[in-house]
Amino acid sequence: MDVFQFRENLIKDYATFTRSFTRIHAEDIRGFVDKAYASGRYWPAPLVQVNPNFKLGKSVEALVADGVLHPECGRIFRAGKSDGSAGVSLDLFKHQEEAIVFAQSGESYVLTTGTGSGKSLAYFIPIVDAILKAKQSAPTPRTRAIVIYPMNALANSQLEELGKFLGDYGDQPPVTFGRYTGQESDEERQRMAANPPDILLTNFMMLELLMTRQDDKDKAVIRNAQGLRFLVLDELHTYRGRQGADVALLVRRVREALSEHLQCIGTSATMATEGTEQEKNQKVAEVACRLFGTRLTAANVITETLQRISPEHLLIDHVRPQLAEAIEAGVPESAGYEELARHPLAVWVELTLGLTRDEGKWRRAQPMTLDDAAKRLAEDAGVDFGAARSTLADFLLLAYRTTDKPSSEGGRSLFAFKLHQFISGGSKVYGTLEPAGQRYLTLAGR
């Protein structure tokens, strides 16, 4: 799909929709409104940002071989599993590996990484590993982990995700899981109360009700979680203000009622944007301390580790002399992953729209409009703006379609990118009482 064309079609349809409710007969007012729409007031130019690539860590099989993970994790966490295939071992990102190792210390921690970084695996893998090991000495069924999501849609999504990894075991999975969010039938709740899942997916409101209601099924679910090992708060950044206070009190009630040695895990997108990495991690740790009711330091915050896809030794200064020729030649019709990663435009795109260097580490670059990026490319290449913009859009689409291996095996795009489009509703036109052509028109009522 051409996301740039999709954006144009979306804006065109929205403009037609918003203007379909009113017919403006006054020529001066109609012209004023036309000008407001044409200015992009209601849909400013979209921002484009390349998703950076995360540094790879060890595979699940390698961690099993090292004795870090239970042997059964090697069979559970595989990509591309199907009825006719056992799939391939999951390759982990560096931050996922760090989270798995850190979880085994028993300390609470926060993982704060960007979109597409596999945050859920960073807690599901250590949870499943701990459950498998615990069952060897204490096989009695009980709930050992509760995962709290801010929305039921996320809980539903993760229920399906766990099913992909554990569904091939049939009726006898080594680790069981269930959802208790209010969507379940009375029969499902009764079954969960009688046969506690190892992992319980819920939302904070339902967990609050489970802790306070006097229904026999709810009380049984909580009894089955005595000695709880893990409490996960997904999307930690959503808990703020009064809701944050409610969740913080809930965590303390869970600890008091179920486990003195509760290990809390939080996941979040970026929660702090100013200061050094140490200062940002300290701010995240302070927020987590208030929510978890336990002591955390900056060392308990795990962040993403980014890496270059284009050659490390090449900078924009090195490829600048080649950009004009590359733009004139156009985007290659067919190129492999490795070949395209060495293309001059790949270096320019990654170091302009994907990464920036800070404190000796790669950080995410700030998004910019496609036009601003094209202007910068035109200046660096010494070509006209139109050629730069067209080539840049075509290259981004090609880089998205080019993967390092088939998607069925967990293949990654050379450059997956986002197009951020903000859209606002239409406004009212205000005017003075003078005749047409003389009156003052404005969109800001006074």
Protein backbone atom coordinates (compact mmCIF):
# COMPACT_ATOMS: atom_id res chain seq x y z
CA MET A 1 0.00 0.00 0.00
CA ASP A 2 1.23 3.52 -0.82
CA VAL A 3 0.68 5.27 2.50
CA PHE A 4 1.29 8.69 0.95
CA GLN A 5 -1.53 8.16 -1.57
CA PHE A 6 -3.69 6.74 1.20
CA ARG A 7 -3.13 9.94 3.16
CA GLU A 8 -4.16 12.09 0.18
CA ASN A 9 -7.33 10.05 -0.32
CA LEU A 10 -8.15 10.22 3.39
CA ILE A 11 -7.79 14.00 3.49
CA LYS A 12 -9.83 14.43 0.31
CA ASP A 13 -12.65 12.27 1.67
CA TYR A 14 -12.60 14.06 5.03
CA ALA A 15 -12.70 17.48 3.36
CA THR A 16 -15.69 16.40 1.28
CA PHE A 17 -17.42 15.02 4.36
CA THR A 18 -16.89 18.08 6.57
CA ARG A 19 -18.10 20.48 3.84
CA SER A 20 -21.15 18.43 2.92
CA PHE A 21 -23.30 19.84 5.74
CA THR A 22 -23.31 23.48 4.65
CA ARG A 23 -23.86 25.36 1.37
CA ILE A 24 -22.25 28.78 1.36
CA HIS A 25 -23.91 31.17 -1.11
CA ALA A 26 -22.00 34.35 -0.20
CA GLU A 27 -19.03 34.55 -2.54
CA ASP A 28 -16.70 36.29 -0.06
CA ILE A 29 -17.45 33.80 2.72
CA ARG A 30 -17.09 30.83 0.36
CA GLY A 31 -13.71 32.14 -0.79
CA PHE A 32 -12.63 32.70 2.81
CA VAL A 33 -13.54 29.10 3.73
CA ASP A 34 -11.87 27.73 0.60
CA LYS A 35 -8.68 29.52 1.57
CA ALA A 36 -8.82 28.14 5.12
CA TYR A 37 -9.17 24.58 3.81
CA ALA A 38 -6.41 25.06 1.24
CA SER A 39 -4.01 26.34 3.93
CA GLY A 40 -3.96 22.92 5.65
CA ARG A 41 -5.40 24.41 8.83
CA TYR A 42 -7.44 21.30 9.57
CA TRP A 43 -4.84 18.74 8.47
CA PRO A 44 -1.28 20.06 8.70
CA ALA A 45 1.45 18.37 6.70
CA PRO A 46 2.09 14.86 8.04
CA LEU A 47 5.22 14.07 10.01
CA VAL A 48 7.40 11.21 8.83
CA GLN A 49 9.68 9.19 11.09
CA VAL A 50 11.63 6.02 10.41
CA ASN A 51 11.28 3.35 13.08
CA PRO A 52 14.85 2.67 14.24
CA ASN A 53 16.17 -0.86 14.40
CA PHE A 54 16.78 -2.41 17.78
CA LYS A 55 20.07 -4.09 18.56
CA LEU A 56 19.73 -7.85 18.54
CA GLY A 57 20.47 -9.99 21.58
CA LYS A 58 20.56 -13.75 21.90
CA SER A 59 17.85 -16.08 20.66
CA VAL A 60 15.55 -17.93 23.05
CA GLU A 61 17.32 -21.18 22.17
CA ALA A 62 20.69 -19.61 23.02
CA LEU A 63 19.39 -18.52 26.43
CA VAL A 64 18.10 -22.06 27.00
CA ALA A 65 21.53 -23.43 26.06
CA ASP A 66 23.15 -20.99 28.49
CA GLY A 67 20.91 -22.26 31.29
CA VAL A 68 19.14 -18.91 31.64
CA LEU A 69 15.74 -20.18 30.52
CA HIS A 70 13.87 -23.42 31.19
CA PRO A 71 14.31 -25.92 28.30
CA GLU A 72 10.58 -25.83 27.47
CA CYS A 73 10.88 -22.13 26.63
CA GLY A 74 12.80 -23.21 23.53
CA ARG A 75 9.72 -25.02 22.24
CA ILE A 76 7.21 -22.39 23.35
CA PHE A 77 8.75 -19.20 22.02
CA ARG A 78 9.14 -19.83 18.31
CA ALA A 79 8.09 -17.76 15.31
CA GLY A 80 6.02 -19.17 12.46
CA LYS A 81 4.58 -22.13 14.36
CA SER A 82 1.86 -24.05 12.52
CA ASP A 83 0.34 -27.52 12.33
CA GLY A 84 3.07 -28.59 9.91
CA SER A 85 6.00 -26.63 11.29
CA ALA A 86 7.69 -26.15 14.65
CA GLY A 87 8.75 -22.69 13.55
CA VAL A 88 12.08 -21.06 14.31
CA SER A 89 13.49 -19.83 17.61
CA LEU A 90 12.71 -16.23 18.40
CA ASP A 91 15.58 -13.80 17.99
CA LEU A 92 15.38 -11.34 20.85
CA PHE A 93 16.27 -7.68 20.97
CA LYS A 94 18.98 -6.62 23.40
CA HIS A 95 16.48 -4.92 25.73
CA GLN A 96 14.33 -8.08 25.80
CA GLU A 97 17.33 -10.16 26.79
CA GLU A 98 18.25 -7.61 29.48
CA ALA A 99 14.69 -7.71 30.85
CA ILE A 100 14.70 -11.52 31.00
CA VAL A 101 17.98 -11.59 32.91
CA PHE A 102 16.94 -8.73 35.21
CA ALA A 103 13.61 -10.42 36.03
CA GLN A 104 15.48 -13.38 37.51
CA SER A 105 16.95 -11.10 40.19
CA GLY A 106 13.48 -10.82 41.71
CA GLU A 107 13.59 -7.01 41.65
CA SER A 108 10.86 -4.86 40.15
CA TYR A 109 11.70 -3.07 36.93
CA VAL A 110 10.36 -0.89 34.12
CA LEU A 111 10.93 -1.43 30.42
CA THR A 112 10.56 1.81 28.48
CA THR A 113 10.99 1.30 24.74
CA GLY A 114 9.34 2.40 21.52
CA THR A 115 6.61 0.96 19.33
CA GLY A 116 7.32 -2.46 17.82
CA SER A 117 9.96 -3.30 20.42
CA GLY A 118 8.29 -6.46 21.73
CA LYS A 119 7.56 -5.19 25.23
CA SER A 120 5.07 -7.97 25.97
CA LEU A 121 7.65 -10.71 25.31
CA ALA A 122 10.01 -8.92 27.69
CA TYR A 123 7.71 -9.92 30.55
CA PHE A 124 5.92 -13.01 29.18
CA ILE A 125 9.17 -14.92 28.60
CA PRO A 126 10.54 -14.44 32.15
CA ILE A 127 7.09 -15.09 33.62
CA VAL A 128 6.65 -18.35 31.69
CA ASP A 129 10.21 -19.35 32.58
CA ALA A 130 9.62 -18.70 36.30
CA ILE A 131 6.32 -20.61 36.24
CA LEU A 132 7.89 -23.64 34.54
CA LYS A 133 10.67 -23.72 37.14
CA ALA A 134 8.26 -23.19 40.07
CA LYS A 135 5.97 -26.02 38.96
CA GLN A 136 8.82 -28.50 39.24
CA SER A 137 8.79 -28.15 43.02
CA ALA A 138 5.22 -26.88 43.61
CA PRO A 139 2.86 -28.30 40.94
CA THR A 140 -0.38 -27.32 42.71
CA PRO A 141 -2.35 -25.08 40.30
CA ARG A 142 -2.46 -21.42 41.28
CA THR A 143 -2.18 -18.02 39.65
CA ARG A 144 1.41 -16.84 39.77
CA ALA A 145 1.20 -13.76 37.54
CA ILE A 146 -1.43 -11.06 36.97
CA VAL A 147 -1.08 -8.75 33.98
CA ILE A 148 -3.07 -5.50 34.09
CA TYR A 149 -3.98 -3.71 30.85
CA PRO A 150 -5.54 -0.24 30.63
CA MET A 151 -8.00 -1.42 27.96
CA ASN A 152 -9.77 -4.70 27.27
CA ALA A 153 -8.67 -4.52 23.63
CA LEU A 154 -5.05 -4.92 24.77
CA ALA A 155 -5.96 -7.84 27.01
CA ASN A 156 -7.77 -9.51 24.12
CA SER A 157 -4.80 -8.97 21.83
CA GLN A 158 -2.35 -10.47 24.30
CA LEU A 159 -4.68 -13.42 24.92
CA GLU A 160 -4.36 -14.23 21.22
CA GLU A 161 -0.60 -13.69 21.36
CA LEU A 162 -0.19 -16.19 24.19
CA GLY A 163 -2.38 -18.59 22.24
CA LYS A 164 0.07 -18.51 19.34
CA PHE A 165 2.88 -19.71 21.58
CA LEU A 166 0.99 -22.16 23.80
CA GLY A 167 -1.87 -23.25 21.51
CA ASP A 168 0.02 -26.15 19.94
CA TYR A 169 0.00 -28.06 23.26
CA GLY A 170 -3.71 -28.82 23.01
CA ASP A 171 -5.49 -29.33 26.34
CA GLN A 172 -2.27 -29.83 28.31
CA PRO A 173 -0.17 -26.67 27.98
CA PRO A 174 2.78 -26.44 30.38
CA VAL A 175 1.65 -22.92 31.31
CA THR A 176 -2.01 -21.91 31.41
CA PHE A 177 -3.52 -18.48 30.95
CA GLY A 178 -6.94 -16.86 31.11
CA ARG A 179 -8.72 -13.53 30.77
CA TYR A 180 -10.95 -12.07 33.47
CA THR A 181 -12.09 -8.63 32.33
CA GLY A 182 -15.88 -8.69 32.49
CA GLN A 183 -16.33 -10.03 28.96
CA GLU A 184 -16.47 -13.64 30.13
CA SER A 185 -19.59 -15.73 30.62
CA ASP A 186 -20.57 -17.00 34.05
CA GLU A 187 -19.46 -20.48 32.97
CA GLU A 188 -16.00 -19.19 32.01
CA ARG A 189 -15.62 -17.43 35.34
CA GLN A 190 -16.67 -20.54 37.21
CA ARG A 191 -14.16 -22.60 35.28
CA MET A 192 -11.38 -20.12 36.04
CA ALA A 193 -12.25 -20.12 39.72
CA ALA A 194 -12.12 -23.92 39.80
CA ASN A 195 -9.02 -24.24 37.61
CA PRO A 196 -6.79 -21.22 38.23
CA PRO A 197 -4.67 -20.16 35.24
CA ASP A 198 -0.96 -19.58 35.81
CA ILE A 199 -1.27 -16.18 34.14
CA LEU A 200 -4.35 -13.98 34.57
CA LEU A 201 -5.00 -11.11 32.14
CA THR A 202 -7.29 -8.37 33.42
CA ASN A 203 -7.77 -4.60 33.75
CA PHE A 204 -7.31 -2.50 36.87
CA MET A 205 -11.05 -1.95 37.39
CA MET A 206 -11.78 -5.68 37.29
CA LEU A 207 -8.88 -6.46 39.63
CA GLU A 208 -10.27 -3.85 42.02
CA LEU A 209 -13.64 -5.62 41.91
CA LEU A 210 -12.03 -9.02 42.39
CA MET A 211 -10.32 -7.69 45.50
CA THR A 212 -13.49 -6.22 47.03
CA ARG A 213 -16.57 -8.09 45.75
CA GLN A 214 -18.13 -10.84 47.85
CA ASP A 215 -19.12 -13.08 44.95
CA ASP A 216 -17.88 -16.63 45.56
CA LYS A 217 -16.25 -16.92 42.12
CA ASP A 218 -14.38 -13.64 42.54
CA LYS A 219 -13.21 -14.59 46.02
CA ALA A 220 -11.97 -17.92 44.66
CA VAL A 221 -9.97 -16.21 41.92
CA ILE A 222 -8.20 -14.10 44.53
CA ARG A 223 -7.62 -17.08 46.86
CA ASN A 224 -6.02 -18.90 43.95
CA ALA A 225 -3.52 -16.03 43.59
CA GLN A 226 -2.10 -16.33 47.12
CA GLY A 227 1.68 -16.11 46.93
CA LEU A 228 1.49 -14.13 43.66
CA ARG A 229 4.95 -13.72 42.11
CA PHE A 230 4.42 -11.16 39.30
CA LEU A 231 2.19 -8.12 38.87
CA VAL A 232 2.57 -6.44 35.46
CA LEU A 233 1.30 -2.94 34.63
CA ASP A 234 1.28 -2.58 30.86
CA GLU A 235 1.29 0.92 29.32
CA LEU A 236 2.50 2.47 32.57
CA HIS A 237 2.36 6.01 31.15
CA THR A 238 -1.46 5.88 31.00
CA TYR A 239 -1.77 5.83 34.80
CA ARG A 240 -1.67 9.45 35.90
CA GLY A 241 -3.68 11.83 38.05
CA ARG A 242 -6.58 10.32 39.95
CA GLN A 243 -6.42 7.10 37.94
CA GLY A 244 -2.74 6.78 38.77
CA ALA A 245 -3.52 7.18 42.47
CA ASP A 246 -6.24 4.51 42.25
CA VAL A 247 -3.85 2.06 40.57
CA ALA A 248 -1.09 2.80 43.10
CA LEU A 249 -3.47 1.98 45.95
CA LEU A 250 -4.61 -1.17 44.14
CA VAL A 251 -1.01 -2.40 43.82
CA ARG A 252 -0.54 -1.91 47.58
CA ARG A 253 -3.73 -3.84 48.32
CA VAL A 254 -2.58 -6.69 46.08
CA ARG A 255 0.78 -6.83 47.86
CA GLU A 256 -0.84 -6.80 51.29
CA ALA A 257 -3.44 -9.44 50.41
CA LEU A 258 -1.46 -11.79 48.16
CA SER A 259 2.29 -11.49 48.48
CA GLU A 260 4.92 -9.66 50.49
CA HIS A 261 7.52 -10.53 47.86
CA LEU A 262 5.61 -9.25 44.85
CA GLN A 263 7.71 -8.46 41.78
CA CYS A 264 6.22 -5.55 39.83
CA ILE A 265 6.96 -5.02 36.14
CA GLY A 266 6.00 -1.95 34.17
CA THR A 267 6.16 -1.32 30.43
CA SER A 268 5.84 2.01 28.75
CA ALA A 269 6.62 4.14 25.78
CA THR A 270 8.90 7.09 26.49
CA MET A 271 7.97 8.62 29.86
CA ALA A 272 10.68 11.30 30.13
CA THR A 273 12.14 13.34 27.27
CA GLU A 274 14.48 15.87 28.89
CA GLY A 275 17.91 15.54 30.47
CA THR A 276 20.59 12.89 30.23
CA GLU A 277 19.73 9.22 30.01
CA GLN A 278 20.52 8.82 33.72
CA GLU A 279 18.23 11.73 34.60
CA LYS A 280 15.40 10.41 32.41
CA ASN A 281 15.70 6.93 33.90
CA GLN A 282 15.64 8.40 37.39
CA LYS A 283 12.39 10.23 36.62
CA VAL A 284 10.85 7.00 35.31
CA ALA A 285 12.02 5.18 38.44
CA GLU A 286 10.40 7.84 40.65
CA VAL A 287 7.05 7.40 38.88
CA ALA A 288 7.32 3.62 39.17
CA CYS A 289 8.16 3.92 42.89
CA ARG A 290 4.91 5.79 43.50
CA LEU A 291 2.87 3.28 41.51
CA PHE A 292 4.53 0.09 42.75
CA GLY A 293 4.99 1.16 46.35
CA THR A 294 8.53 -0.21 46.35
CA ARG A 295 12.03 1.17 45.90
CA LEU A 296 13.42 1.51 42.38
CA THR A 297 16.46 3.34 41.06
CA ALA A 298 17.57 4.32 37.58
CA ALA A 299 19.30 0.92 37.40
CA ASN A 300 15.84 -0.73 37.46
CA VAL A 301 14.86 0.99 34.20
CA ILE A 302 15.64 -0.87 30.98
CA THR A 303 15.77 1.21 27.80
CA GLU A 304 16.08 0.39 24.13
CA THR A 305 19.45 -0.08 22.43
CA LEU A 306 19.34 1.09 18.83
CA GLN A 307 21.69 0.21 16.00
CA ARG A 308 22.48 1.28 12.46
CA ILE A 309 21.21 -0.74 9.52
CA SER A 310 23.19 1.20 6.95
CA PRO A 311 27.01 0.82 7.22
CA GLU A 312 28.30 2.20 10.54
CA HIS A 313 31.32 3.90 8.97
CA LEU A 314 29.26 6.00 6.56
CA LEU A 315 27.89 9.41 7.55
CA ILE A 316 25.86 11.91 5.51
CA ASP A 317 29.08 13.79 4.66
CA HIS A 318 30.44 10.61 3.06
CA VAL A 319 27.41 9.99 0.80
CA ARG A 320 26.51 13.61 0.02
CA PRO A 321 28.52 13.60 -3.27
CA GLN A 322 26.58 10.51 -4.43
CA LEU A 323 23.06 11.73 -3.64
CA ALA A 324 22.46 13.70 -6.85
CA GLU A 325 23.41 10.72 -9.02
CA ALA A 326 21.26 8.39 -6.89
CA ILE A 327 18.23 10.69 -7.23
CA GLU A 328 18.74 11.07 -10.98
CA ALA A 329 18.99 7.28 -11.38
CA GLY A 330 15.77 6.81 -9.43
CA VAL A 331 14.89 4.17 -6.89
CA PRO A 332 16.22 0.73 -7.87
CA GLU A 333 13.43 -1.53 -9.14
CA SER A 334 14.82 -4.57 -7.38
CA ALA A 335 17.44 -4.72 -4.67
CA GLY A 336 18.18 -7.12 -1.87
CA TYR A 337 18.18 -6.13 1.79
CA GLU A 338 21.97 -5.88 2.11
CA GLU A 339 22.37 -4.03 -1.19
CA LEU A 340 19.66 -1.50 -0.37
CA ALA A 341 21.15 -0.91 3.11
CA ARG A 342 24.35 0.33 1.42
CA HIS A 343 22.51 2.71 -0.93
CA PRO A 344 23.44 6.41 -0.38
CA LEU A 345 19.78 7.25 0.21
CA ALA A 346 19.58 4.56 2.92
CA VAL A 347 22.40 6.25 4.82
CA TRP A 348 20.80 9.68 4.39
CA VAL A 349 17.31 8.50 5.41
CA GLU A 350 18.48 6.61 8.48
CA LEU A 351 20.62 9.48 9.79
CA THR A 352 17.97 12.12 9.05
CA LEU A 353 14.64 10.47 9.80
CA GLY A 354 15.67 7.54 12.00
CA LEU A 355 18.64 8.14 14.27
CA THR A 356 20.65 10.86 15.93
CA ARG A 357 23.75 10.55 18.10
CA ASP A 358 23.56 11.61 21.76
CA GLU A 359 25.83 10.77 24.70
CA GLY A 360 27.64 8.25 22.51
CA LYS A 361 24.44 6.29 21.82
CA TRP A 362 21.97 6.23 18.97
CA ARG A 363 18.67 7.91 19.79
CA ARG A 364 15.45 8.32 17.86
CA ALA A 365 15.47 11.31 15.51
CA GLN A 366 12.71 13.89 15.82
CA PRO A 367 9.97 13.48 13.18
CA MET A 368 9.68 16.12 10.46
CA THR A 369 7.32 16.79 7.59
CA LEU A 370 8.00 15.08 4.29
CA ASP A 371 8.42 18.50 2.66
CA ASP A 372 11.01 19.59 5.24
CA ALA A 373 12.90 16.32 4.78
CA ALA A 374 12.75 16.75 0.99
CA LYS A 375 14.09 20.32 1.28
CA ARG A 376 17.01 19.05 3.32
CA LEU A 377 17.66 16.27 0.81
CA ALA A 378 17.47 18.74 -2.08
CA GLU A 379 20.05 20.95 -0.38
CA ASP A 380 22.40 18.06 0.40
CA ALA A 381 22.11 16.64 -3.12
CA GLY A 382 21.97 19.93 -5.00
CA VAL A 383 18.80 18.95 -6.89
CA ASP A 384 15.37 20.54 -7.20
CA PHE A 385 12.77 20.02 -4.51
CA GLY A 386 10.29 18.07 -6.67
CA ALA A 387 12.83 15.41 -7.63
CA ALA A 388 14.01 15.08 -4.03
CA ARG A 389 10.49 14.72 -2.64
CA SER A 390 9.38 12.16 -5.21
CA THR A 391 12.52 10.04 -4.80
CA LEU A 392 12.38 10.22 -1.01
CA ALA A 393 8.77 8.98 -0.91
CA ASP A 394 9.53 6.18 -3.39
CA PHE A 395 12.62 5.10 -1.45
CA LEU A 396 10.73 4.96 1.85
CA LEU A 397 8.08 2.71 0.29
CA LEU A 398 10.74 0.44 -1.24
CA ALA A 399 12.67 0.22 2.04
CA TYR A 400 9.46 -0.77 3.83
CA ARG A 401 8.78 -3.58 1.35
CA THR A 402 12.35 -4.91 1.53
CA THR A 403 12.79 -7.40 4.39
CA ASP A 404 15.78 -9.33 5.72
CA LYS A 405 13.87 -12.61 5.55
CA PRO A 406 10.32 -13.78 4.78
CA SER A 407 7.63 -12.27 7.00
CA SER A 408 6.55 -15.80 8.04
CA GLU A 409 9.94 -16.13 9.74
CA GLY A 410 9.73 -12.79 11.50
CA GLY A 411 11.36 -10.77 8.74
CA ARG A 412 11.93 -7.05 9.38
CA SER A 413 11.66 -4.17 6.96
CA LEU A 414 14.81 -2.27 6.12
CA PHE A 415 13.00 0.90 7.18
CA ALA A 416 9.53 0.67 8.67
CA PHE A 417 8.27 4.23 8.93
CA LYS A 418 5.35 6.13 10.38
CA LEU A 419 3.30 8.89 8.83
CA HIS A 420 1.76 10.97 11.65
CA GLN A 421 -1.32 12.87 10.47
CA PHE A 422 -3.21 15.18 12.81
CA ILE A 423 -6.78 16.08 11.81
CA SER A 424 -9.06 18.60 13.51
CA GLY A 425 -12.75 19.25 13.10
CA GLY A 426 -14.14 22.13 11.07
CA SER A 427 -14.75 25.49 12.72
CA LYS A 428 -17.25 28.37 12.47
CA VAL A 429 -16.93 31.56 10.43
CA TYR A 430 -17.58 34.84 12.24
CA GLY A 431 -18.17 38.15 10.44
CA THR A 432 -19.04 41.78 11.09
CA LEU A 433 -22.28 43.34 9.84
CA GLU A 434 -20.86 45.23 6.86
CA PRO A 435 -21.97 44.30 3.32
CA ALA A 436 -20.32 41.46 1.37
CA GLY A 437 -16.81 42.35 0.32
CA GLN A 438 -16.45 44.86 3.17
CA ARG A 439 -17.12 42.74 6.21
CA TYR A 440 -14.36 41.31 8.41
CA LEU A 441 -14.30 37.50 8.46
CA THR A 442 -12.51 35.34 11.00
CA LEU A 443 -12.46 31.77 12.32
CA ALA A 444 -11.79 32.96 15.87
CA GLY A 445 -14.93 34.15 17.62
CA ARG A 446 -14.55 37.22 19.82
